[in-house]
């Protein structure tokens, strides 16, 4: 049976899709928490799209989280499951003839995390398959962590965010906030997705283009009322 942790402090970072900047936000948050003397245990329990470096697969996202948190453990603690193809971890594991279960990822996240702020980054979007028997959503539910949703600040994001928010809340999870990442120039200067989302939702909506310290402080304040 999968271990559940109803009172474990921390955050689960997910996205509306892949490539929306989850790791960027995770690194920002890990650095800020560490600077404020919160001991952070970073976890990206599975990562695909890894390059071979000196004969082994290097999970670059997990490495960035580890460095940001000044984590004293090993990279294998942060990311024990690694695959080369840049596809969903579930399919990458299948192609590698490797069994990968949600229970394995839960155990990887929880081991040696007691008494620390557990920062977990998923792989892909909230409903993306992450193991042979579960989605990112299932991992978040098993960990019982508040969810931070990251999305690209672009045309169409209102629908993407609202669908993900409904999915997160349907799973009985608390939504800590939403971060809109500016990955490209706005197609229309009149677009204001943050304001539009704030009118629809009762959680914080934050813009990545804020001053880095302002953004990290805002995120920590939002998370603190739920986890710290």
C-alpha atoms as a PDB file:
ATOM      1  CA  UNK A   1       0.000   0.000   0.000  1.00  0.00           C
ATOM      2  CA  UNK A   2       1.218   3.516  -0.831  1.00  0.00           C
ATOM      3  CA  UNK A   3       2.272   5.537   2.181  1.00  0.00           C
ATOM      4  CA  UNK A   4       0.300   8.744   2.699  1.00  0.00           C
ATOM      5  CA  UNK A   5       1.534  11.782   4.636  1.00  0.00           C
ATOM      6  CA  UNK A   6      -1.410  14.023   5.576  1.00  0.00           C
ATOM      7  CA  UNK A   7       0.635  16.425   7.681  1.00  0.00           C
ATOM      8  CA  UNK A   8       4.005  16.508   5.909  1.00  0.00           C
ATOM      9  CA  UNK A   9       5.002  20.102   5.133  1.00  0.00           C
ATOM     10  CA  UNK A  10       6.032  20.975   1.623  1.00  0.00           C
ATOM     11  CA  UNK A  11       4.807  21.651  -1.917  1.00  0.00           C
ATOM     12  CA  UNK A  12       4.132  19.673  -5.087  1.00  0.00           C
ATOM     13  CA  UNK A  13       5.047  21.630  -8.217  1.00  0.00           C
ATOM     14  CA  UNK A  14       3.155  20.661 -11.344  1.00  0.00           C
ATOM     15  CA  UNK A  15       2.347  22.278 -14.666  1.00  0.00           C
ATOM     16  CA  UNK A  16      -0.362  22.626 -17.251  1.00  0.00           C
ATOM     17  CA  UNK A  17       2.046  20.864 -19.638  1.00  0.00           C
ATOM     18  CA  UNK A  18       5.711  20.063 -20.058  1.00  0.00           C
ATOM     19  CA  UNK A  19       8.216  22.849 -20.691  1.00  0.00           C
ATOM     20  CA  UNK A  20       6.274  25.543 -18.825  1.00  0.00           C
ATOM     21  CA  UNK A  21       9.025  26.353 -16.310  1.00  0.00           C
ATOM     22  CA  UNK A  22       8.368  24.104 -13.311  1.00  0.00           C
ATOM     23  CA  UNK A  23      12.071  23.700 -12.574  1.00  0.00           C
ATOM     24  CA  UNK A  24      12.708  27.446 -12.858  1.00  0.00           C
ATOM     25  CA  UNK A  25      10.057  28.090 -10.206  1.00  0.00           C
ATOM     26  CA  UNK A  26      11.247  25.173  -8.093  1.00  0.00           C
ATOM     27  CA  UNK A  27      14.812  26.488  -8.111  1.00  0.00           C
ATOM     28  CA  UNK A  28      13.613  29.984  -7.202  1.00  0.00           C
ATOM     29  CA  UNK A  29      11.569  28.638  -4.311  1.00  0.00           C
ATOM     30  CA  UNK A  30      14.266  26.265  -3.044  1.00  0.00           C
ATOM     31  CA  UNK A  31      16.852  29.053  -2.981  1.00  0.00           C
ATOM     32  CA  UNK A  32      14.537  31.444  -1.160  1.00  0.00           C
ATOM     33  CA  UNK A  33      13.498  28.877   1.462  1.00  0.00           C
ATOM     34  CA  UNK A  34      17.112  27.857   2.050  1.00  0.00           C
ATOM     35  CA  UNK A  35      18.161  31.492   2.459  1.00  0.00           C
ATOM     36  CA  UNK A  36      15.400  31.860   5.069  1.00  0.00           C
ATOM     37  CA  UNK A  37      16.840  28.895   6.972  1.00  0.00           C
ATOM     38  CA  UNK A  38      14.131  26.407   6.055  1.00  0.00           C
ATOM     39  CA  UNK A  39      15.822  23.027   5.441  1.00  0.00           C
ATOM     40  CA  UNK A  40      14.617  21.910   2.015  1.00  0.00           C
ATOM     41  CA  UNK A  41      14.579  18.341   0.736  1.00  0.00           C
ATOM     42  CA  UNK A  42      14.272  18.550  -3.069  1.00  0.00           C
ATOM     43  CA  UNK A  43      12.804  15.663  -4.998  1.00  0.00           C
ATOM     44  CA  UNK A  44      12.277  15.052  -8.693  1.00  0.00           C
ATOM     45  CA  UNK A  45      11.820  11.314  -8.270  1.00  0.00           C
ATOM     46  CA  UNK A  46      11.795  10.526 -11.977  1.00  0.00           C
ATOM     47  CA  UNK A  47      13.213  12.452 -14.927  1.00  0.00           C
ATOM     48  CA  UNK A  48      13.285  11.646 -18.624  1.00  0.00           C
ATOM     49  CA  UNK A  49      15.246  13.399 -21.343  1.00  0.00           C
ATOM     50  CA  UNK A  50      18.511  12.885 -19.454  1.00  0.00           C
ATOM     51  CA  UNK A  51      21.883  13.122 -21.216  1.00  0.00           C
ATOM     52  CA  UNK A  52      24.719  10.684 -20.689  1.00  0.00           C
ATOM     53  CA  UNK A  53      27.561  12.404 -18.831  1.00  0.00           C
ATOM     54  CA  UNK A  54      30.664  10.420 -17.951  1.00  0.00           C
ATOM     55  CA  UNK A  55      28.834   7.174 -18.551  1.00  0.00           C
ATOM     56  CA  UNK A  56      25.685   7.837 -16.543  1.00  0.00           C
ATOM     57  CA  UNK A  57      22.389   9.604 -17.070  1.00  0.00           C
ATOM     58  CA  UNK A  58      22.390  13.115 -15.621  1.00  0.00           C
ATOM     59  CA  UNK A  59      18.991  14.511 -14.534  1.00  0.00           C
ATOM     60  CA  UNK A  60      19.592  18.231 -15.111  1.00  0.00           C
ATOM     61  CA  UNK A  61      16.345  19.417 -13.488  1.00  0.00           C
ATOM     62  CA  UNK A  62      17.019  17.403 -10.350  1.00  0.00           C
ATOM     63  CA  UNK A  63      20.596  18.671 -10.240  1.00  0.00           C
ATOM     64  CA  UNK A  64      19.379  22.278 -10.440  1.00  0.00           C
ATOM     65  CA  UNK A  65      16.956  21.697  -7.552  1.00  0.00           C
ATOM     66  CA  UNK A  66      19.663  20.026  -5.500  1.00  0.00           C
ATOM     67  CA  UNK A  67      22.068  22.916  -5.979  1.00  0.00           C
ATOM     68  CA  UNK A  68      19.398  25.517  -5.238  1.00  0.00           C
ATOM     69  CA  UNK A  69      18.517  23.831  -1.952  1.00  0.00           C
ATOM     70  CA  UNK A  70      22.171  23.300  -0.987  1.00  0.00           C
ATOM     71  CA  UNK A  71      21.070  19.746  -0.356  1.00  0.00           C
ATOM     72  CA  UNK A  72      23.546  17.565   1.515  1.00  0.00           C
ATOM     73  CA  UNK A  73      22.305  14.261   0.158  1.00  0.00           C
ATOM     74  CA  UNK A  74      23.114  12.663  -3.159  1.00  0.00           C
ATOM     75  CA  UNK A  75      21.697  13.269  -6.613  1.00  0.00           C
ATOM     76  CA  UNK A  76      20.414   9.687  -6.456  1.00  0.00           C
ATOM     77  CA  UNK A  77      18.329  10.708  -3.431  1.00  0.00           C
ATOM     78  CA  UNK A  78      16.810  13.577  -5.397  1.00  0.00           C
ATOM     79  CA  UNK A  79      16.214  11.600  -8.600  1.00  0.00           C
ATOM     80  CA  UNK A  80      16.638   7.836  -8.388  1.00  0.00           C
ATOM     81  CA  UNK A  81      14.803   7.043 -11.640  1.00  0.00           C
ATOM     82  CA  UNK A  82      16.306   8.419 -14.864  1.00  0.00           C
ATOM     83  CA  UNK A  83      15.639   7.802 -18.538  1.00  0.00           C
ATOM     84  CA  UNK A  84      17.177   9.072 -21.746  1.00  0.00           C
ATOM     85  CA  UNK A  85      14.238   9.532 -24.171  1.00  0.00           C
ATOM     86  CA  UNK A  86      12.512  12.931 -23.829  1.00  0.00           C
ATOM     87  CA  UNK A  87       9.076  11.338 -23.441  1.00  0.00           C
ATOM     88  CA  UNK A  88       6.761  10.617 -20.528  1.00  0.00           C
ATOM     89  CA  UNK A  89       8.526   8.709 -17.738  1.00  0.00           C
ATOM     90  CA  UNK A  90       5.854   6.017 -17.923  1.00  0.00           C
ATOM     91  CA  UNK A  91       6.625   5.260 -21.576  1.00  0.00           C
ATOM     92  CA  UNK A  92      10.381   5.701 -21.096  1.00  0.00           C
ATOM     93  CA  UNK A  93      10.312   3.107 -18.301  1.00  0.00           C
ATOM     94  CA  UNK A  94       8.284   0.749 -20.471  1.00  0.00           C
ATOM     95  CA  UNK A  95      10.775   1.060 -23.330  1.00  0.00           C
ATOM     96  CA  UNK A  96      13.615   0.402 -20.880  1.00  0.00           C
ATOM     97  CA  UNK A  97      11.776  -2.692 -19.552  1.00  0.00           C
ATOM     98  CA  UNK A  98      11.849  -1.109 -16.099  1.00  0.00           C
ATOM     99  CA  UNK A  99       9.032  -1.405 -13.589  1.00  0.00           C
ATOM    100  CA  UNK A 100       8.072   2.016 -12.281  1.00  0.00           C
ATOM    101  CA  UNK A 101       5.212   2.430  -9.805  1.00  0.00           C
ATOM    102  CA  UNK A 102       3.683   5.318  -7.912  1.00  0.00           C
ATOM    103  CA  UNK A 103       4.591   3.603  -4.660  1.00  0.00           C
ATOM    104  CA  UNK A 104       8.255   3.631  -5.667  1.00  0.00           C
ATOM    105  CA  UNK A 105       8.110   7.385  -6.322  1.00  0.00           C
ATOM    106  CA  UNK A 106       6.317   8.060  -3.041  1.00  0.00           C
ATOM    107  CA  UNK A 107       8.989   6.140  -1.136  1.00  0.00           C
ATOM    108  CA  UNK A 108      11.717   8.025  -3.005  1.00  0.00           C
ATOM    109  CA  UNK A 109      10.138  11.348  -2.044  1.00  0.00           C
ATOM    110  CA  UNK A 110       9.598  10.517   1.618  1.00  0.00           C
ATOM    111  CA  UNK A 111      12.867   8.788   2.471  1.00  0.00           C
ATOM    112  CA  UNK A 112      15.020  10.994   4.726  1.00  0.00           C
ATOM    113  CA  UNK A 113      12.567  13.891   4.469  1.00  0.00           C
ATOM    114  CA  UNK A 114      11.264  13.959   8.029  1.00  0.00           C
ATOM    115  CA  UNK A 115      11.450  17.365   9.677  1.00  0.00           C
ATOM    116  CA  UNK A 116      12.213  19.159   6.419  1.00  0.00           C
ATOM    117  CA  UNK A 117      10.317  21.135   3.819  1.00  0.00           C
ATOM    118  CA  UNK A 118       9.628  18.617   1.059  1.00  0.00           C
ATOM    119  CA  UNK A 119       9.759  20.218  -2.397  1.00  0.00           C
ATOM    120  CA  UNK A 120       8.621  17.789  -5.079  1.00  0.00           C
ATOM    121  CA  UNK A 121       8.590  18.518  -8.793  1.00  0.00           C
ATOM    122  CA  UNK A 122       6.477  16.295 -11.003  1.00  0.00           C
ATOM    123  CA  UNK A 123       7.171  15.365 -14.616  1.00  0.00           C
ATOM    124  CA  UNK A 124       4.984  16.929 -17.288  1.00  0.00           C
ATOM    125  CA  UNK A 125       1.451  18.081 -16.590  1.00  0.00           C
ATOM    126  CA  UNK A 126      -0.849  17.235 -13.692  1.00  0.00           C
ATOM    127  CA  UNK A 127      -2.621  14.488 -15.640  1.00  0.00           C
ATOM    128  CA  UNK A 128       0.482  13.220 -17.448  1.00  0.00           C
ATOM    129  CA  UNK A 129       1.356   9.554 -16.812  1.00  0.00           C
ATOM    130  CA  UNK A 130       4.365   9.422 -14.516  1.00  0.00           C
ATOM    131  CA  UNK A 131       4.462   5.686 -13.771  1.00  0.00           C
ATOM    132  CA  UNK A 132       2.963   2.516 -15.167  1.00  0.00           C
ATOM    133  CA  UNK A 133       0.129   2.729 -12.641  1.00  0.00           C
ATOM    134  CA  UNK A 134      -0.398   6.428 -12.060  1.00  0.00           C
ATOM    135  CA  UNK A 135      -0.471  10.053 -13.131  1.00  0.00           C
ATOM    136  CA  UNK A 136       1.274  13.041 -11.585  1.00  0.00           C
ATOM    137  CA  UNK A 137      -2.076  13.607  -9.896  1.00  0.00           C
ATOM    138  CA  UNK A 138      -1.834  10.231  -8.158  1.00  0.00           C
ATOM    139  CA  UNK A 139       1.631  11.048  -6.828  1.00  0.00           C
ATOM    140  CA  UNK A 140       0.404  14.393  -5.481  1.00  0.00           C
ATOM    141  CA  UNK A 141      -2.560  12.708  -3.782  1.00  0.00           C
ATOM    142  CA  UNK A 142      -0.348  10.059  -2.194  1.00  0.00           C
ATOM    143  CA  UNK A 143       1.995  12.733  -0.831  1.00  0.00           C
ATOM    144  CA  UNK A 144      -0.914  14.942   0.296  1.00  0.00           C
ATOM    145  CA  UNK A 145       1.006  18.119  -0.455  1.00  0.00           C
ATOM    146  CA  UNK A 146      -0.460  21.465  -1.516  1.00  0.00           C
ATOM    147  CA  UNK A 147      -0.042  22.020  -5.241  1.00  0.00           C
ATOM    148  CA  UNK A 148       1.688  24.911  -6.993  1.00  0.00           C
ATOM    149  CA  UNK A 149       0.531  25.088 -10.614  1.00  0.00           C
ATOM    150  CA  UNK A 150       2.893  26.541 -13.242  1.00  0.00           C
ATOM    151  CA  UNK A 151       1.650  27.620 -16.680  1.00  0.00           C
ATOM    152  CA  UNK A 152       2.959  29.537 -19.667  1.00  0.00           C
ATOM    153  CA  UNK A 153       1.568  33.063 -19.788  1.00  0.00           C
ATOM    154  CA  UNK A 154       0.195  32.904 -23.307  1.00  0.00           C
ATOM    155  CA  UNK A 155      -3.041  32.928 -25.256  1.00  0.00           C
ATOM    156  CA  UNK A 156      -5.159  29.946 -24.254  1.00  0.00           C
ATOM    157  CA  UNK A 157      -3.762  29.635 -20.741  1.00  0.00           C
ATOM    158  CA  UNK A 158      -7.054  30.593 -19.094  1.00  0.00           C
ATOM    159  CA  UNK A 159      -8.673  27.377 -20.278  1.00  0.00           C
ATOM    160  CA  UNK A 160      -5.581  25.327 -19.419  1.00  0.00           C
ATOM    161  CA  UNK A 161      -5.330  26.705 -15.889  1.00  0.00           C
ATOM    162  CA  UNK A 162      -9.042  26.439 -15.103  1.00  0.00           C
ATOM    163  CA  UNK A 163      -9.137  22.821 -16.290  1.00  0.00           C
ATOM    164  CA  UNK A 164      -6.097  21.980 -14.141  1.00  0.00           C
ATOM    165  CA  UNK A 165      -7.509  23.787 -11.116  1.00  0.00           C
ATOM    166  CA  UNK A 166     -10.705  21.772 -11.398  1.00  0.00           C
ATOM    167  CA  UNK A 167      -8.669  18.561 -11.663  1.00  0.00           C
ATOM    168  CA  UNK A 168      -6.544  19.476  -8.630  1.00  0.00           C
ATOM    169  CA  UNK A 169      -9.564  20.282  -6.501  1.00  0.00           C
ATOM    170  CA  UNK A 170     -11.482  17.226  -7.701  1.00  0.00           C
ATOM    171  CA  UNK A 171      -8.600  15.164  -6.325  1.00  0.00           C
ATOM    172  CA  UNK A 172      -9.125  16.805  -2.935  1.00  0.00           C
ATOM    173  CA  UNK A 173      -5.839  18.706  -3.019  1.00  0.00           C
ATOM    174  CA  UNK A 174      -5.207  22.226  -1.827  1.00  0.00           C
ATOM    175  CA  UNK A 175      -4.086  24.721  -4.453  1.00  0.00           C
ATOM    176  CA  UNK A 176      -1.299  26.867  -3.037  1.00  0.00           C
ATOM    177  CA  UNK A 177      -1.185  29.188  -6.030  1.00  0.00           C
ATOM    178  CA  UNK A 178      -0.575  29.642  -9.738  1.00  0.00           C
ATOM    179  CA  UNK A 179       2.545  31.006 -11.428  1.00  0.00           C
ATOM    180  CA  UNK A 180       2.364  32.345 -14.970  1.00  0.00           C
ATOM    181  CA  UNK A 181       5.718  32.042 -16.711  1.00  0.00           C
ATOM    182  CA  UNK A 182       6.555  34.383 -19.579  1.00  0.00           C
ATOM    183  CA  UNK A 183       8.425  32.172 -22.026  1.00  0.00           C
ATOM    184  CA  UNK A 184       7.866  34.266 -25.157  1.00  0.00           C
ATOM    185  CA  UNK A 185       6.781  37.790 -26.056  1.00  0.00           C
ATOM    186  CA  UNK A 186       3.072  38.408 -25.558  1.00  0.00           C
ATOM    187  CA  UNK A 187       1.151  37.976 -28.836  1.00  0.00           C
ATOM    188  CA  UNK A 188      -1.189  40.779 -27.762  1.00  0.00           C
ATOM    189  CA  UNK A 189      -0.251  43.583 -25.392  1.00  0.00           C
ATOM    190  CA  UNK A 190      -3.868  43.834 -24.278  1.00  0.00           C
ATOM    191  CA  UNK A 191      -3.812  40.333 -22.804  1.00  0.00           C
ATOM    192  CA  UNK A 192      -3.889  40.181 -18.982  1.00  0.00           C
ATOM    193  CA  UNK A 193      -4.202  36.542 -17.979  1.00  0.00           C
ATOM    194  CA  UNK A 194      -3.300  37.152 -14.340  1.00  0.00           C
ATOM    195  CA  UNK A 195      -6.160  39.603 -13.817  1.00  0.00           C
ATOM    196  CA  UNK A 196      -8.594  37.353 -15.652  1.00  0.00           C
ATOM    197  CA  UNK A 197      -7.629  34.349 -13.534  1.00  0.00           C
ATOM    198  CA  UNK A 198      -7.834  36.304 -10.292  1.00  0.00           C
ATOM    199  CA  UNK A 199     -11.429  37.112 -11.177  1.00  0.00           C
ATOM    200  CA  UNK A 200     -12.178  33.399 -11.562  1.00  0.00           C
ATOM    201  CA  UNK A 201     -10.190  31.906  -8.689  1.00  0.00           C
ATOM    202  CA  UNK A 202      -9.765  32.350  -4.948  1.00  0.00           C
ATOM    203  CA  UNK A 203      -6.018  31.631  -4.837  1.00  0.00           C
ATOM    204  CA  UNK A 204      -2.927  33.678  -5.568  1.00  0.00           C
ATOM    205  CA  UNK A 205      -1.911  34.174  -9.207  1.00  0.00           C
ATOM    206  CA  UNK A 206       1.700  35.264  -9.618  1.00  0.00           C
ATOM    207  CA  UNK A 207       3.675  36.512 -12.586  1.00  0.00           C
ATOM    208  CA  UNK A 208       7.177  35.157 -13.197  1.00  0.00           C
ATOM    209  CA  UNK A 209       8.327  38.562 -14.468  1.00  0.00           C
ATOM    210  CA  UNK A 210       7.997  39.983 -10.953  1.00  0.00           C
ATOM    211  CA  UNK A 211      11.262  40.812  -9.216  1.00  0.00           C
ATOM    212  CA  UNK A 212      12.699  37.411  -8.210  1.00  0.00           C
ATOM    213  CA  UNK A 213      12.712  38.225  -4.499  1.00  0.00           C
ATOM    214  CA  UNK A 214       9.163  39.576  -4.664  1.00  0.00           C
ATOM    215  CA  UNK A 215       7.958  36.448  -6.402  1.00  0.00           C
ATOM    216  CA  UNK A 216       9.711  34.065  -4.013  1.00  0.00           C
ATOM    217  CA  UNK A 217       8.449  35.992  -0.964  1.00  0.00           C
ATOM    218  CA  UNK A 218       4.895  35.922  -2.333  1.00  0.00           C
ATOM    219  CA  UNK A 219       5.091  32.182  -2.960  1.00  0.00           C
ATOM    220  CA  UNK A 220       6.509  31.470   0.493  1.00  0.00           C
ATOM    221  CA  UNK A 221       3.746  33.533   2.100  1.00  0.00           C
ATOM    222  CA  UNK A 222       1.121  31.599   0.120  1.00  0.00           C
ATOM    223  CA  UNK A 223       2.626  28.239   1.033  1.00  0.00           C
ATOM    224  CA  UNK A 224       3.281  29.132   4.680  1.00  0.00           C
ATOM    225  CA  UNK A 225      -0.399  29.361   5.573  1.00  0.00           C
ATOM    226  CA  UNK A 226      -0.860  25.794   4.376  1.00  0.00           C
ATOM    227  CA  UNK A 227       2.337  23.894   5.136  1.00  0.00           C
ATOM    228  CA  UNK A 228       4.833  25.583   7.444  1.00  0.00           C
END
